[in-house]
Amino acid sequence: MRITTLLGSARKKGNTATVLEWIEQELGAMGHDVERIYLNKKSIQGCLGCAKCRETPHEIACVQKDDAIDIMEKMILSDATLFASPVYFWGFSAQIKALIDRGFSLVTNYHRPGHTSLMEGKRVGLLVTGAGTYGDNAEGLFTSFDRIVEFLLARKSGELYVGECTTPDALPEDIKNKALDLARSMVEK
């Protein structure tokens, strides 16, 4: 399988990146082709809400020509996409949120007959790290992601919250095992 991972953290060697690397290594060891996209180094503008993308439903027709277009094309060509973000103010980081907002251009006729998506049937997963507990920190983010999956007509293939993080070297061994479980769930039938 071809898998795209989206690192939405500004920290290349932080908690999110560390857990994501464990997942990517497991997927690679299983024989899958994995590409990480480090969103912090990409130029991704916010959605303009102009709806020009609605005029061409069978392609990414966003009027903005930045890195978001190439990233979304890679997502479409992949069998699975794993979103990875730290929790910032009970939501996604700005780096990944901008790309999620631009995902508006992947869908037409939401909540109407003929709802289509360029991501229809694709596997998607979510990795989130945060300083607090799930209920006090990340619960809303996971609810939001479920709605994004529905919007994209995708298949949620796994999720993991790593809470009460301090530093990558302090991540407990059971977290690595959970990360490996997430990797496997991304590619299971």
N, C-alpha and C. Protein backbone atom coordinates (compact mmCIF):
# COMPACT_ATOMS: atom_id res chain seq x y z
N MET A 1 0.83 -1.19 0.00
CA MET A 1 0.00 0.00 0.00
C MET A 1 0.88 1.25 0.00
N ARG A 2 0.33 2.28 -0.53
CA ARG A 2 0.97 3.60 -0.51
C ARG A 2 0.32 4.42 0.60
N ILE A 3 1.14 4.91 1.53
CA ILE A 3 0.62 5.61 2.70
C ILE A 3 1.29 6.97 2.82
N THR A 4 0.49 8.00 2.99
CA THR A 4 1.00 9.35 3.23
C THR A 4 0.75 9.69 4.69
N THR A 5 1.79 10.18 5.35
CA THR A 5 1.62 10.67 6.72
C THR A 5 1.81 12.18 6.71
N LEU A 6 1.00 12.85 7.48
CA LEU A 6 1.00 14.31 7.55
C LEU A 6 1.41 14.73 8.96
N LEU A 7 2.64 15.21 9.10
CA LEU A 7 3.11 15.67 10.41
C LEU A 7 2.72 17.13 10.58
N GLY A 8 1.76 17.36 11.49
CA GLY A 8 1.24 18.69 11.72
C GLY A 8 1.86 19.39 12.92
N SER A 9 3.02 18.94 13.33
CA SER A 9 3.71 19.57 14.45
C SER A 9 4.85 20.43 13.92
N ALA A 10 5.11 21.52 14.60
CA ALA A 10 6.26 22.35 14.23
C ALA A 10 7.57 21.71 14.67
N ARG A 11 7.49 20.80 15.63
CA ARG A 11 8.69 20.17 16.19
C ARG A 11 9.02 18.87 15.46
N LYS A 12 10.11 18.90 14.70
CA LYS A 12 10.52 17.73 13.90
C LYS A 12 10.92 16.53 14.75
N LYS A 13 11.26 16.75 16.00
CA LYS A 13 11.70 15.65 16.86
C LYS A 13 10.92 15.62 18.17
N GLY A 14 9.71 16.13 18.13
CA GLY A 14 8.87 16.17 19.32
C GLY A 14 8.11 14.87 19.53
N ASN A 15 7.15 14.91 20.44
CA ASN A 15 6.35 13.73 20.77
C ASN A 15 5.60 13.18 19.56
N THR A 16 4.92 14.05 18.84
CA THR A 16 4.14 13.60 17.68
C THR A 16 5.05 12.96 16.64
N ALA A 17 6.16 13.61 16.33
CA ALA A 17 7.10 13.08 15.34
C ALA A 17 7.69 11.75 15.78
N THR A 18 7.96 11.61 17.06
CA THR A 18 8.55 10.37 17.58
C THR A 18 7.58 9.20 17.42
N VAL A 19 6.34 9.39 17.84
CA VAL A 19 5.35 8.32 17.72
C VAL A 19 5.05 8.04 16.26
N LEU A 20 4.97 9.08 15.45
CA LEU A 20 4.74 8.90 14.01
C LEU A 20 5.86 8.08 13.38
N GLU A 21 7.08 8.32 13.79
CA GLU A 21 8.22 7.56 13.24
C GLU A 21 8.09 6.07 13.57
N TRP A 22 7.64 5.74 14.77
CA TRP A 22 7.44 4.33 15.12
C TRP A 22 6.41 3.70 14.17
N ILE A 23 5.35 4.44 13.89
CA ILE A 23 4.30 3.95 12.99
C ILE A 23 4.86 3.77 11.59
N GLU A 24 5.58 4.77 11.11
CA GLU A 24 6.14 4.70 9.75
C GLU A 24 7.13 3.55 9.62
N GLN A 25 7.96 3.34 10.62
CA GLN A 25 8.91 2.23 10.58
C GLN A 25 8.19 0.89 10.52
N GLU A 26 7.13 0.74 11.30
CA GLU A 26 6.36 -0.51 11.28
C GLU A 26 5.73 -0.72 9.91
N LEU A 27 5.15 0.33 9.35
CA LEU A 27 4.54 0.21 8.02
C LEU A 27 5.59 -0.15 6.97
N GLY A 28 6.76 0.46 7.05
CA GLY A 28 7.85 0.14 6.13
C GLY A 28 8.31 -1.30 6.28
N ALA A 29 8.42 -1.76 7.52
CA ALA A 29 8.84 -3.14 7.78
C ALA A 29 7.81 -4.14 7.25
N MET A 30 6.56 -3.70 7.16
CA MET A 30 5.50 -4.55 6.61
C MET A 30 5.48 -4.51 5.09
N GLY A 31 6.35 -3.71 4.48
CA GLY A 31 6.46 -3.66 3.03
C GLY A 31 5.67 -2.56 2.35
N HIS A 32 5.15 -1.63 3.13
CA HIS A 32 4.36 -0.54 2.55
C HIS A 32 5.25 0.65 2.20
N ASP A 33 4.83 1.41 1.21
CA ASP A 33 5.53 2.61 0.77
C ASP A 33 4.97 3.79 1.56
N VAL A 34 5.82 4.40 2.39
CA VAL A 34 5.37 5.46 3.28
C VAL A 34 6.10 6.76 2.95
N GLU A 35 5.33 7.83 2.83
CA GLU A 35 5.91 9.16 2.63
C GLU A 35 5.38 10.11 3.69
N ARG A 36 6.32 10.72 4.42
CA ARG A 36 5.95 11.72 5.42
C ARG A 36 6.01 13.10 4.77
N ILE A 37 4.99 13.89 5.05
CA ILE A 37 4.99 15.29 4.63
C ILE A 37 5.02 16.14 5.90
N TYR A 38 6.07 16.91 6.02
CA TYR A 38 6.27 17.79 7.18
C TYR A 38 5.60 19.13 6.86
N LEU A 39 4.39 19.31 7.36
CA LEU A 39 3.56 20.44 6.97
C LEU A 39 4.13 21.79 7.38
N ASN A 40 4.94 21.84 8.42
CA ASN A 40 5.48 23.11 8.89
C ASN A 40 6.37 23.79 7.85
N LYS A 41 6.93 23.02 6.94
CA LYS A 41 7.81 23.57 5.90
C LYS A 41 7.08 23.81 4.58
N LYS A 42 5.77 23.63 4.58
CA LYS A 42 4.98 23.80 3.37
C LYS A 42 4.22 25.12 3.41
N SER A 43 3.96 25.64 2.24
CA SER A 43 3.16 26.86 2.11
C SER A 43 1.71 26.44 1.88
N ILE A 44 0.90 26.58 2.93
CA ILE A 44 -0.51 26.20 2.86
C ILE A 44 -1.33 27.37 3.38
N GLN A 45 -2.00 28.03 2.47
CA GLN A 45 -2.84 29.16 2.84
C GLN A 45 -4.20 28.65 3.33
N GLY A 46 -4.89 29.46 4.10
CA GLY A 46 -6.22 29.10 4.58
C GLY A 46 -7.23 29.12 3.44
N CYS A 47 -8.31 28.37 3.61
CA CYS A 47 -9.39 28.34 2.62
C CYS A 47 -10.01 29.73 2.51
N LEU A 48 -10.28 30.14 1.29
CA LEU A 48 -10.90 31.45 1.05
C LEU A 48 -12.42 31.40 1.13
N GLY A 49 -12.99 30.20 1.10
CA GLY A 49 -14.44 30.07 1.12
C GLY A 49 -15.11 30.59 -0.14
N CYS A 50 -14.37 30.66 -1.23
CA CYS A 50 -14.91 31.21 -2.47
C CYS A 50 -15.78 30.23 -3.24
N ALA A 51 -15.66 28.94 -2.94
CA ALA A 51 -16.44 27.85 -3.56
C ALA A 51 -16.16 27.67 -5.05
N LYS A 52 -15.10 28.22 -5.57
CA LYS A 52 -14.73 27.99 -6.97
C LYS A 52 -14.45 26.51 -7.21
N CYS A 53 -13.98 25.82 -6.17
CA CYS A 53 -13.67 24.39 -6.29
C CYS A 53 -14.92 23.57 -6.60
N ARG A 54 -16.09 24.10 -6.33
CA ARG A 54 -17.34 23.39 -6.58
C ARG A 54 -17.68 23.31 -8.06
N GLU A 55 -17.02 24.14 -8.86
CA GLU A 55 -17.31 24.20 -10.29
C GLU A 55 -16.71 23.03 -11.05
N THR A 56 -15.74 22.34 -10.46
CA THR A 56 -15.08 21.21 -11.11
C THR A 56 -14.97 20.07 -10.09
N PRO A 57 -16.02 19.24 -9.98
CA PRO A 57 -16.07 18.25 -8.90
C PRO A 57 -15.12 17.06 -9.04
N HIS A 58 -14.53 16.84 -10.20
CA HIS A 58 -13.71 15.64 -10.41
C HIS A 58 -12.22 15.90 -10.32
N GLU A 59 -11.85 17.06 -9.80
CA GLU A 59 -10.44 17.38 -9.59
C GLU A 59 -10.32 18.41 -8.49
N ILE A 60 -9.11 18.60 -8.00
CA ILE A 60 -8.87 19.64 -7.01
C ILE A 60 -8.85 20.96 -7.77
N ALA A 61 -9.87 21.74 -7.63
CA ALA A 61 -10.02 22.96 -8.42
C ALA A 61 -9.87 24.22 -7.58
N CYS A 62 -9.06 24.14 -6.56
CA CYS A 62 -8.83 25.30 -5.70
C CYS A 62 -8.11 26.40 -6.48
N VAL A 63 -8.53 27.65 -6.28
CA VAL A 63 -7.91 28.77 -7.00
C VAL A 63 -6.53 29.12 -6.45
N GLN A 64 -6.23 28.68 -5.23
CA GLN A 64 -4.92 28.97 -4.64
C GLN A 64 -3.91 27.93 -5.12
N LYS A 65 -2.79 28.38 -5.57
CA LYS A 65 -1.76 27.48 -6.09
C LYS A 65 -0.58 27.47 -5.14
N ASP A 66 -0.72 26.66 -4.11
CA ASP A 66 0.35 26.53 -3.11
C ASP A 66 0.60 25.04 -2.88
N ASP A 67 1.31 24.70 -1.82
CA ASP A 67 1.67 23.31 -1.57
C ASP A 67 0.48 22.43 -1.21
N ALA A 68 -0.63 23.00 -0.80
CA ALA A 68 -1.80 22.20 -0.44
C ALA A 68 -2.27 21.34 -1.61
N ILE A 69 -2.17 21.87 -2.80
CA ILE A 69 -2.63 21.12 -3.98
C ILE A 69 -1.83 19.84 -4.14
N ASP A 70 -0.50 19.94 -4.12
CA ASP A 70 0.35 18.76 -4.25
C ASP A 70 0.11 17.76 -3.13
N ILE A 71 -0.07 18.25 -1.91
CA ILE A 71 -0.31 17.37 -0.76
C ILE A 71 -1.63 16.63 -0.94
N MET A 72 -2.68 17.33 -1.32
CA MET A 72 -3.97 16.67 -1.51
C MET A 72 -3.91 15.67 -2.66
N GLU A 73 -3.15 15.97 -3.71
CA GLU A 73 -2.97 15.00 -4.80
C GLU A 73 -2.30 13.73 -4.29
N LYS A 74 -1.32 13.87 -3.42
CA LYS A 74 -0.66 12.70 -2.83
C LYS A 74 -1.63 11.91 -1.97
N MET A 75 -2.49 12.61 -1.24
CA MET A 75 -3.50 11.93 -0.42
C MET A 75 -4.44 11.12 -1.31
N ILE A 76 -4.87 11.69 -2.42
CA ILE A 76 -5.78 11.02 -3.34
C ILE A 76 -5.12 9.78 -3.95
N LEU A 77 -3.85 9.89 -4.30
CA LEU A 77 -3.13 8.78 -4.91
C LEU A 77 -2.73 7.70 -3.91
N SER A 78 -2.79 8.01 -2.63
CA SER A 78 -2.43 7.04 -1.59
C SER A 78 -3.61 6.15 -1.27
N ASP A 79 -3.28 5.00 -0.71
CA ASP A 79 -4.32 4.09 -0.22
C ASP A 79 -4.78 4.52 1.17
N ALA A 80 -3.87 5.18 1.91
CA ALA A 80 -4.19 5.60 3.27
C ALA A 80 -3.44 6.89 3.59
N THR A 81 -4.04 7.70 4.45
CA THR A 81 -3.43 8.93 4.94
C THR A 81 -3.56 8.95 6.45
N LEU A 82 -2.44 9.23 7.11
CA LEU A 82 -2.44 9.33 8.57
C LEU A 82 -2.18 10.78 8.96
N PHE A 83 -3.13 11.39 9.64
CA PHE A 83 -3.02 12.75 10.14
C PHE A 83 -2.38 12.68 11.52
N ALA A 84 -1.33 13.47 11.75
CA ALA A 84 -0.63 13.46 13.04
C ALA A 84 -0.49 14.90 13.54
N SER A 85 -1.01 15.16 14.73
CA SER A 85 -1.02 16.53 15.25
C SER A 85 -0.92 16.54 16.76
N PRO A 86 -0.20 17.50 17.30
CA PRO A 86 -0.35 17.75 18.73
C PRO A 86 -1.66 18.49 18.96
N VAL A 87 -2.15 18.46 20.18
CA VAL A 87 -3.34 19.24 20.53
C VAL A 87 -2.90 20.66 20.85
N TYR A 88 -3.48 21.62 20.17
CA TYR A 88 -3.25 23.03 20.46
C TYR A 88 -4.61 23.65 20.76
N PHE A 89 -4.81 24.11 21.96
CA PHE A 89 -6.06 24.74 22.36
C PHE A 89 -7.26 23.89 21.98
N TRP A 90 -7.25 22.63 22.36
CA TRP A 90 -8.33 21.66 22.20
C TRP A 90 -8.62 21.32 20.74
N GLY A 91 -7.69 21.61 19.83
CA GLY A 91 -7.91 21.31 18.42
C GLY A 91 -6.62 20.94 17.71
N PHE A 92 -6.71 20.86 16.40
CA PHE A 92 -5.56 20.57 15.56
C PHE A 92 -4.58 21.73 15.57
N SER A 93 -3.33 21.45 15.30
CA SER A 93 -2.33 22.51 15.14
C SER A 93 -2.68 23.32 13.89
N ALA A 94 -2.19 24.54 13.82
CA ALA A 94 -2.46 25.41 12.67
C ALA A 94 -1.95 24.79 11.38
N GLN A 95 -0.82 24.11 11.44
CA GLN A 95 -0.22 23.53 10.24
C GLN A 95 -1.17 22.52 9.58
N ILE A 96 -1.76 21.66 10.38
CA ILE A 96 -2.62 20.63 9.80
C ILE A 96 -4.04 21.15 9.58
N LYS A 97 -4.46 22.08 10.40
CA LYS A 97 -5.82 22.64 10.27
C LYS A 97 -5.98 23.37 8.94
N ALA A 98 -4.97 24.09 8.51
CA ALA A 98 -5.05 24.78 7.22
C ALA A 98 -5.27 23.78 6.08
N LEU A 99 -4.57 22.65 6.13
CA LEU A 99 -4.74 21.63 5.10
C LEU A 99 -6.13 21.00 5.19
N ILE A 100 -6.59 20.71 6.39
CA ILE A 100 -7.93 20.15 6.57
C ILE A 100 -8.97 21.11 5.99
N ASP A 101 -8.85 22.40 6.26
CA ASP A 101 -9.79 23.37 5.71
C ASP A 101 -9.77 23.38 4.19
N ARG A 102 -8.59 23.26 3.62
CA ARG A 102 -8.49 23.23 2.15
C ARG A 102 -9.07 21.95 1.57
N GLY A 103 -9.26 20.93 2.41
CA GLY A 103 -9.90 19.71 1.98
C GLY A 103 -11.34 19.92 1.54
N PHE A 104 -11.87 21.10 1.78
CA PHE A 104 -13.19 21.49 1.27
C PHE A 104 -13.25 21.25 -0.24
N SER A 105 -12.12 21.44 -0.92
CA SER A 105 -12.07 21.30 -2.38
C SER A 105 -12.09 19.84 -2.83
N LEU A 106 -12.07 18.90 -1.90
CA LEU A 106 -12.10 17.48 -2.26
C LEU A 106 -13.52 16.91 -2.34
N VAL A 107 -14.51 17.69 -1.91
CA VAL A 107 -15.86 17.18 -1.74
C VAL A 107 -16.86 18.07 -2.48
N THR A 108 -17.88 17.44 -3.06
CA THR A 108 -19.00 18.19 -3.64
C THR A 108 -20.30 17.61 -3.11
N ASN A 109 -21.31 18.45 -3.07
CA ASN A 109 -22.69 18.08 -2.70
C ASN A 109 -22.80 17.50 -1.30
N TYR A 110 -22.05 18.02 -0.36
CA TYR A 110 -22.16 17.55 1.02
C TYR A 110 -23.56 17.80 1.55
N HIS A 111 -24.15 16.81 2.18
CA HIS A 111 -25.53 16.83 2.72
C HIS A 111 -26.58 17.00 1.63
N ARG A 112 -26.22 16.62 0.41
CA ARG A 112 -27.18 16.66 -0.70
C ARG A 112 -27.03 15.39 -1.52
N PRO A 113 -27.99 15.10 -2.37
CA PRO A 113 -27.83 13.96 -3.27
C PRO A 113 -26.58 14.17 -4.15
N GLY A 114 -25.89 13.09 -4.40
CA GLY A 114 -24.70 13.20 -5.24
C GLY A 114 -23.45 13.58 -4.47
N HIS A 115 -23.47 13.44 -3.14
CA HIS A 115 -22.28 13.73 -2.32
C HIS A 115 -21.13 12.86 -2.84
N THR A 116 -20.07 13.51 -3.29
CA THR A 116 -18.89 12.80 -3.80
C THR A 116 -17.64 13.37 -3.14
N SER A 117 -16.59 12.57 -3.18
CA SER A 117 -15.32 12.99 -2.61
C SER A 117 -14.19 12.34 -3.38
N LEU A 118 -13.13 13.09 -3.60
CA LEU A 118 -11.94 12.54 -4.22
C LEU A 118 -11.20 11.59 -3.27
N MET A 119 -11.61 11.56 -2.01
CA MET A 119 -11.04 10.66 -1.00
C MET A 119 -11.98 9.51 -0.66
N GLU A 120 -13.03 9.34 -1.42
CA GLU A 120 -14.02 8.32 -1.10
C GLU A 120 -13.40 6.93 -1.01
N GLY A 121 -13.68 6.26 0.11
CA GLY A 121 -13.19 4.91 0.33
C GLY A 121 -11.74 4.81 0.78
N LYS A 122 -11.02 5.91 0.81
CA LYS A 122 -9.62 5.89 1.24
C LYS A 122 -9.55 5.70 2.74
N ARG A 123 -8.52 5.03 3.18
CA ARG A 123 -8.28 4.83 4.61
C ARG A 123 -7.66 6.09 5.20
N VAL A 124 -8.13 6.49 6.36
CA VAL A 124 -7.53 7.61 7.08
C VAL A 124 -7.41 7.24 8.54
N GLY A 125 -6.38 7.77 9.17
CA GLY A 125 -6.17 7.54 10.58
C GLY A 125 -5.73 8.81 11.26
N LEU A 126 -5.73 8.76 12.59
CA LEU A 126 -5.41 9.95 13.37
C LEU A 126 -4.48 9.60 14.53
N LEU A 127 -3.39 10.33 14.62
CA LEU A 127 -2.47 10.27 15.76
C LEU A 127 -2.44 11.65 16.39
N VAL A 128 -2.69 11.71 17.70
CA VAL A 128 -2.70 12.98 18.41
C VAL A 128 -1.89 12.82 19.69
N THR A 129 -1.09 13.82 20.00
CA THR A 129 -0.37 13.87 21.27
C THR A 129 -0.77 15.13 22.01
N GLY A 130 -0.70 15.06 23.34
CA GLY A 130 -1.07 16.23 24.12
C GLY A 130 -0.58 16.13 25.55
N ALA A 131 -0.57 17.26 26.20
CA ALA A 131 -0.07 17.32 27.57
C ALA A 131 -1.11 16.86 28.59
N GLY A 132 -2.38 16.95 28.25
CA GLY A 132 -3.43 16.62 29.20
C GLY A 132 -4.06 15.27 28.93
N THR A 133 -5.09 14.97 29.71
CA THR A 133 -5.83 13.73 29.51
C THR A 133 -6.75 13.88 28.31
N TYR A 134 -7.26 12.77 27.83
CA TYR A 134 -8.14 12.76 26.66
C TYR A 134 -9.35 13.67 26.87
N GLY A 135 -10.07 13.46 27.96
CA GLY A 135 -11.31 14.20 28.20
C GLY A 135 -11.11 15.69 28.38
N ASP A 136 -10.01 16.08 28.98
CA ASP A 136 -9.77 17.50 29.23
C ASP A 136 -9.03 18.19 28.09
N ASN A 137 -8.66 17.43 27.06
CA ASN A 137 -7.73 17.97 26.09
C ASN A 137 -8.11 17.67 24.64
N ALA A 138 -8.38 16.41 24.34
CA ALA A 138 -8.45 15.99 22.94
C ALA A 138 -9.80 15.48 22.46
N GLU A 139 -10.73 15.32 23.33
CA GLU A 139 -12.01 14.70 22.97
C GLU A 139 -12.68 15.42 21.80
N GLY A 140 -12.73 16.73 21.83
CA GLY A 140 -13.35 17.49 20.75
C GLY A 140 -12.64 17.33 19.43
N LEU A 141 -11.33 17.22 19.47
CA LEU A 141 -10.55 17.02 18.25
C LEU A 141 -10.92 15.69 17.59
N PHE A 142 -11.08 14.64 18.38
CA PHE A 142 -11.45 13.34 17.82
C PHE A 142 -12.87 13.36 17.26
N THR A 143 -13.78 14.08 17.91
CA THR A 143 -15.14 14.23 17.39
C THR A 143 -15.09 14.96 16.05
N SER A 144 -14.30 16.00 15.98
CA SER A 144 -14.13 16.75 14.73
C SER A 144 -13.59 15.85 13.63
N PHE A 145 -12.60 15.02 13.97
CA PHE A 145 -12.01 14.14 12.96
C PHE A 145 -13.04 13.15 12.42
N ASP A 146 -13.89 12.63 13.30
CA ASP A 146 -14.94 11.71 12.83
C ASP A 146 -15.82 12.39 11.80
N ARG A 147 -16.11 13.65 12.00
CA ARG A 147 -16.94 14.38 11.05
C ARG A 147 -16.19 14.66 9.75
N ILE A 148 -14.89 14.88 9.85
CA ILE A 148 -14.07 15.07 8.66
C ILE A 148 -14.06 13.80 7.83
N VAL A 149 -13.92 12.66 8.48
CA VAL A 149 -13.94 11.36 7.79
C VAL A 149 -15.26 11.18 7.05
N GLU A 150 -16.36 11.50 7.72
CA GLU A 150 -17.69 11.40 7.09
C GLU A 150 -17.78 12.34 5.89
N PHE A 151 -17.32 13.56 6.05
CA PHE A 151 -17.32 14.56 4.98
C PHE A 151 -16.55 14.05 3.76
N LEU A 152 -15.39 13.43 4.01
CA LEU A 152 -14.53 12.94 2.92
C LEU A 152 -15.01 11.61 2.34
N LEU A 153 -16.02 11.00 2.94
CA LEU A 153 -16.48 9.66 2.56
C LEU A 153 -15.35 8.64 2.64
N ALA A 154 -14.46 8.86 3.59
CA ALA A 154 -13.30 8.00 3.79
C ALA A 154 -13.63 6.91 4.80
N ARG A 155 -12.65 6.05 5.07
CA ARG A 155 -12.79 4.96 6.05
C ARG A 155 -11.81 5.20 7.18
N LYS A 156 -12.31 5.43 8.37
CA LYS A 156 -11.39 5.59 9.51
C LYS A 156 -10.80 4.23 9.82
N SER A 157 -9.47 4.17 9.79
CA SER A 157 -8.76 2.91 9.96
C SER A 157 -7.96 2.84 11.24
N GLY A 158 -8.10 3.81 12.10
CA GLY A 158 -7.41 3.77 13.37
C GLY A 158 -7.20 5.15 13.94
N GLU A 159 -7.00 5.18 15.26
CA GLU A 159 -6.72 6.43 15.94
C GLU A 159 -5.98 6.13 17.23
N LEU A 160 -5.21 7.12 17.66
CA LEU A 160 -4.45 6.96 18.90
C LEU A 160 -4.26 8.33 19.53
N TYR A 161 -4.56 8.39 20.81
CA TYR A 161 -4.23 9.59 21.58
C TYR A 161 -3.14 9.23 22.58
N VAL A 162 -2.07 10.00 22.56
CA VAL A 162 -0.97 9.85 23.51
C VAL A 162 -1.03 11.06 24.42
N GLY A 163 -1.56 10.88 25.62
CA GLY A 163 -1.75 11.99 26.54
C GLY A 163 -0.68 12.08 27.59
N GLU A 164 -0.72 13.19 28.27
CA GLU A 164 0.21 13.48 29.36
C GLU A 164 1.67 13.33 28.93
N CYS A 165 1.93 13.81 27.71
CA CYS A 165 3.29 13.78 27.15
C CYS A 165 4.16 14.85 27.81
N THR A 166 5.39 14.53 27.99
CA THR A 166 6.36 15.53 28.44
C THR A 166 7.43 15.68 27.37
N THR A 167 8.28 14.69 27.23
CA THR A 167 9.32 14.72 26.20
C THR A 167 9.36 13.36 25.50
N PRO A 168 9.88 13.30 24.29
CA PRO A 168 9.91 12.03 23.56
C PRO A 168 10.63 10.91 24.32
N ASP A 169 11.69 11.24 25.03
CA ASP A 169 12.43 10.20 25.76
C ASP A 169 11.66 9.68 26.98
N ALA A 170 10.58 10.35 27.36
CA ALA A 170 9.79 9.92 28.52
C ALA A 170 8.52 9.16 28.11
N LEU A 171 8.36 8.92 26.81
CA LEU A 171 7.19 8.17 26.36
C LEU A 171 7.30 6.73 26.83
N PRO A 172 6.26 6.21 27.49
CA PRO A 172 6.34 4.84 28.01
C PRO A 172 6.31 3.79 26.89
N GLU A 173 6.83 2.61 27.17
CA GLU A 173 6.91 1.52 26.20
C GLU A 173 5.54 1.12 25.67
N ASP A 174 4.51 1.19 26.52
CA ASP A 174 3.19 0.80 26.04
C ASP A 174 2.69 1.71 24.93
N ILE A 175 3.17 2.93 24.88
CA ILE A 175 2.80 3.85 23.79
C ILE A 175 3.37 3.35 22.47
N LYS A 176 4.58 2.87 22.49
CA LYS A 176 5.16 2.33 21.26
C LYS A 176 4.33 1.14 20.77
N ASN A 177 3.91 0.28 21.68
CA ASN A 177 3.07 -0.86 21.29
C ASN A 177 1.74 -0.39 20.70
N LYS A 178 1.16 0.65 21.28
CA LYS A 178 -0.09 1.19 20.75
C LYS A 178 0.13 1.82 19.37
N ALA A 179 1.28 2.45 19.18
CA ALA A 179 1.61 3.03 17.88
C ALA A 179 1.73 1.93 16.82
N LEU A 180 2.36 0.83 17.18
CA LEU A 180 2.49 -0.29 16.25
C LEU A 180 1.12 -0.88 15.92
N ASP A 181 0.23 -0.91 16.90
CA ASP A 181 -1.14 -1.35 16.66
C ASP A 181 -1.84 -0.42 15.67
N LEU A 182 -1.62 0.87 15.82
CA LEU A 182 -2.21 1.84 14.89
C LEU A 182 -1.68 1.60 13.48
N ALA A 183 -0.39 1.37 13.36
CA ALA A 183 0.20 1.10 12.04
C ALA A 183 -0.50 -0.09 11.39
N ARG A 184 -0.67 -1.15 12.14
CA ARG A 184 -1.31 -2.34 11.59
C ARG A 184 -2.78 -2.09 11.23
N SER A 185 -3.47 -1.31 12.05
CA SER A 185 -4.88 -1.04 11.75
C SER A 185 -5.04 -0.20 10.49
N MET A 186 -4.03 0.56 10.13
CA MET A 186 -4.09 1.39 8.92
C MET A 186 -4.11 0.54 7.65
N VAL A 187 -3.59 -0.68 7.72
CA VAL A 187 -3.45 -1.49 6.50
C VAL A 187 -4.24 -2.79 6.53
N GLU A 188 -4.93 -3.08 7.64
CA GLU A 188 -5.73 -4.30 7.70
C GLU A 188 -6.91 -4.21 6.76
N LYS A 189 -7.35 -5.36 6.31
CA LYS A 189 -8.51 -5.41 5.40
C LYS A 189 -9.78 -5.03 6.10
